[in-house]
């Protein structure tokens, strides 16, 4: 959670939803405000899939792919500093 300045705001929520949120906050041992903030942050944070090595193709597949890509001419690399930077890594 990000620390810093917080702005007070008012929300119109159904009484049943408020009761559910309060119960879940209490079960987690956090404040109602803290729980609502956590839920909202999770809803706007992008989720990146977990990738396991076995989900990827074999090294042979990657090597074969590399052989199909033509070499990049040095003049193209020299004219694009971003490309030159990436290829230097």
C-alpha atoms as a PDB file:
ATOM      1  CA  UNK A   1       0.000   0.000   0.000  1.00  0.00           C
ATOM      2  CA  UNK A   2       1.245   3.472  -0.845  1.00  0.00           C
ATOM      3  CA  UNK A   3       1.767   5.816   2.065  1.00  0.00           C
ATOM      4  CA  UNK A   4       1.204   9.533   1.928  1.00  0.00           C
ATOM      5  CA  UNK A   5      -1.641  11.972   1.814  1.00  0.00           C
ATOM      6  CA  UNK A   6      -5.147  10.549   1.856  1.00  0.00           C
ATOM      7  CA  UNK A   7      -8.287  12.368   0.835  1.00  0.00           C
ATOM      8  CA  UNK A   8     -11.521  11.844   2.706  1.00  0.00           C
ATOM      9  CA  UNK A   9     -14.413  10.971   0.426  1.00  0.00           C
ATOM     10  CA  UNK A  10     -17.994   9.883   0.788  1.00  0.00           C
ATOM     11  CA  UNK A  11     -19.520   6.896  -0.947  1.00  0.00           C
ATOM     12  CA  UNK A  12     -23.135   5.829  -1.203  1.00  0.00           C
ATOM     13  CA  UNK A  13     -23.230   2.090  -0.612  1.00  0.00           C
ATOM     14  CA  UNK A  14     -26.022  -0.355   0.100  1.00  0.00           C
ATOM     15  CA  UNK A  15     -26.329  -1.240   3.796  1.00  0.00           C
ATOM     16  CA  UNK A  16     -25.860  -4.939   3.048  1.00  0.00           C
ATOM     17  CA  UNK A  17     -22.600  -4.235   1.176  1.00  0.00           C
ATOM     18  CA  UNK A  18     -21.317  -2.140   4.070  1.00  0.00           C
ATOM     19  CA  UNK A  19     -22.127  -4.940   6.508  1.00  0.00           C
ATOM     20  CA  UNK A  20     -20.328  -7.493   4.314  1.00  0.00           C
ATOM     21  CA  UNK A  21     -17.255  -5.260   4.001  1.00  0.00           C
ATOM     22  CA  UNK A  22     -17.181  -4.666   7.763  1.00  0.00           C
ATOM     23  CA  UNK A  23     -17.393  -8.411   8.471  1.00  0.00           C
ATOM     24  CA  UNK A  24     -14.543  -9.162   6.083  1.00  0.00           C
ATOM     25  CA  UNK A  25     -12.437  -6.344   7.502  1.00  0.00           C
ATOM     26  CA  UNK A  26     -12.988  -7.652  11.031  1.00  0.00           C
ATOM     27  CA  UNK A  27     -12.130 -11.221   9.930  1.00  0.00           C
ATOM     28  CA  UNK A  28      -8.843  -9.953   8.453  1.00  0.00           C
ATOM     29  CA  UNK A  29      -8.110  -7.853  11.519  1.00  0.00           C
ATOM     30  CA  UNK A  30      -8.007  -4.559   9.643  1.00  0.00           C
ATOM     31  CA  UNK A  31     -10.085  -1.408   9.747  1.00  0.00           C
ATOM     32  CA  UNK A  32     -13.104  -0.969   7.512  1.00  0.00           C
ATOM     33  CA  UNK A  33     -11.360   1.897   5.699  1.00  0.00           C
ATOM     34  CA  UNK A  34      -8.166  -0.117   5.285  1.00  0.00           C
ATOM     35  CA  UNK A  35     -10.072  -3.082   3.896  1.00  0.00           C
ATOM     36  CA  UNK A  36     -12.071  -0.989   1.421  1.00  0.00           C
ATOM     37  CA  UNK A  37      -8.860   0.706   0.281  1.00  0.00           C
ATOM     38  CA  UNK A  38      -7.176  -2.701  -0.198  1.00  0.00           C
ATOM     39  CA  UNK A  39     -10.106  -4.040  -2.231  1.00  0.00           C
ATOM     40  CA  UNK A  40     -10.171  -0.939  -4.428  1.00  0.00           C
ATOM     41  CA  UNK A  41      -6.400  -1.030  -5.002  1.00  0.00           C
ATOM     42  CA  UNK A  42      -6.587  -4.685  -6.030  1.00  0.00           C
ATOM     43  CA  UNK A  43      -9.379  -3.866  -8.474  1.00  0.00           C
ATOM     44  CA  UNK A  44      -7.253  -1.293 -10.336  1.00  0.00           C
ATOM     45  CA  UNK A  45      -3.881  -3.072 -10.189  1.00  0.00           C
ATOM     46  CA  UNK A  46      -3.073  -4.983 -13.382  1.00  0.00           C
ATOM     47  CA  UNK A  47      -2.649  -8.704 -12.929  1.00  0.00           C
ATOM     48  CA  UNK A  48       0.272 -10.338 -14.665  1.00  0.00           C
ATOM     49  CA  UNK A  49       0.108 -14.067 -15.276  1.00  0.00           C
ATOM     50  CA  UNK A  50       2.641 -16.286 -13.535  1.00  0.00           C
ATOM     51  CA  UNK A  51       4.747 -17.983 -16.193  1.00  0.00           C
ATOM     52  CA  UNK A  52       6.566 -21.186 -15.420  1.00  0.00           C
ATOM     53  CA  UNK A  53       9.574 -22.360 -17.416  1.00  0.00           C
ATOM     54  CA  UNK A  54       7.708 -25.489 -18.463  1.00  0.00           C
ATOM     55  CA  UNK A  55       4.981 -23.294 -20.014  1.00  0.00           C
ATOM     56  CA  UNK A  56       7.537 -21.896 -22.451  1.00  0.00           C
ATOM     57  CA  UNK A  57       8.824 -23.590 -25.570  1.00  0.00           C
ATOM     58  CA  UNK A  58      12.022 -25.552 -25.503  1.00  0.00           C
ATOM     59  CA  UNK A  59      15.404 -23.909 -26.028  1.00  0.00           C
ATOM     60  CA  UNK A  60      15.547 -25.683 -29.401  1.00  0.00           C
ATOM     61  CA  UNK A  61      12.380 -23.863 -30.463  1.00  0.00           C
ATOM     62  CA  UNK A  62      13.902 -20.543 -29.467  1.00  0.00           C
ATOM     63  CA  UNK A  63      17.125 -21.313 -31.328  1.00  0.00           C
ATOM     64  CA  UNK A  64      15.167 -22.237 -34.468  1.00  0.00           C
ATOM     65  CA  UNK A  65      13.225 -18.964 -34.233  1.00  0.00           C
ATOM     66  CA  UNK A  66      16.465 -16.996 -33.950  1.00  0.00           C
ATOM     67  CA  UNK A  67      17.744 -18.573 -37.162  1.00  0.00           C
ATOM     68  CA  UNK A  68      14.699 -17.338 -39.096  1.00  0.00           C
ATOM     69  CA  UNK A  69      15.259 -13.683 -38.183  1.00  0.00           C
ATOM     70  CA  UNK A  70      17.577 -11.874 -40.577  1.00  0.00           C
ATOM     71  CA  UNK A  71      20.508  -9.957 -39.063  1.00  0.00           C
ATOM     72  CA  UNK A  72      19.874  -6.264 -38.479  1.00  0.00           C
ATOM     73  CA  UNK A  73      22.142  -4.082 -40.633  1.00  0.00           C
ATOM     74  CA  UNK A  74      24.609  -1.986 -38.624  1.00  0.00           C
ATOM     75  CA  UNK A  75      23.355   1.181 -40.323  1.00  0.00           C
ATOM     76  CA  UNK A  76      19.878   0.555 -38.866  1.00  0.00           C
ATOM     77  CA  UNK A  77      21.339  -0.057 -35.404  1.00  0.00           C
ATOM     78  CA  UNK A  78      23.455   3.105 -35.640  1.00  0.00           C
ATOM     79  CA  UNK A  79      20.445   5.207 -36.632  1.00  0.00           C
ATOM     80  CA  UNK A  80      18.258   4.037 -33.717  1.00  0.00           C
ATOM     81  CA  UNK A  81      19.724   4.630 -30.237  1.00  0.00           C
ATOM     82  CA  UNK A  82      16.951   2.614 -28.558  1.00  0.00           C
ATOM     83  CA  UNK A  83      17.680  -0.415 -30.736  1.00  0.00           C
ATOM     84  CA  UNK A  84      21.427  -0.004 -30.145  1.00  0.00           C
ATOM     85  CA  UNK A  85      20.802   0.093 -26.397  1.00  0.00           C
ATOM     86  CA  UNK A  86      18.620  -3.034 -26.458  1.00  0.00           C
ATOM     87  CA  UNK A  87      21.083  -4.991 -28.558  1.00  0.00           C
ATOM     88  CA  UNK A  88      23.937  -4.051 -26.232  1.00  0.00           C
ATOM     89  CA  UNK A  89      22.252  -5.814 -23.312  1.00  0.00           C
END
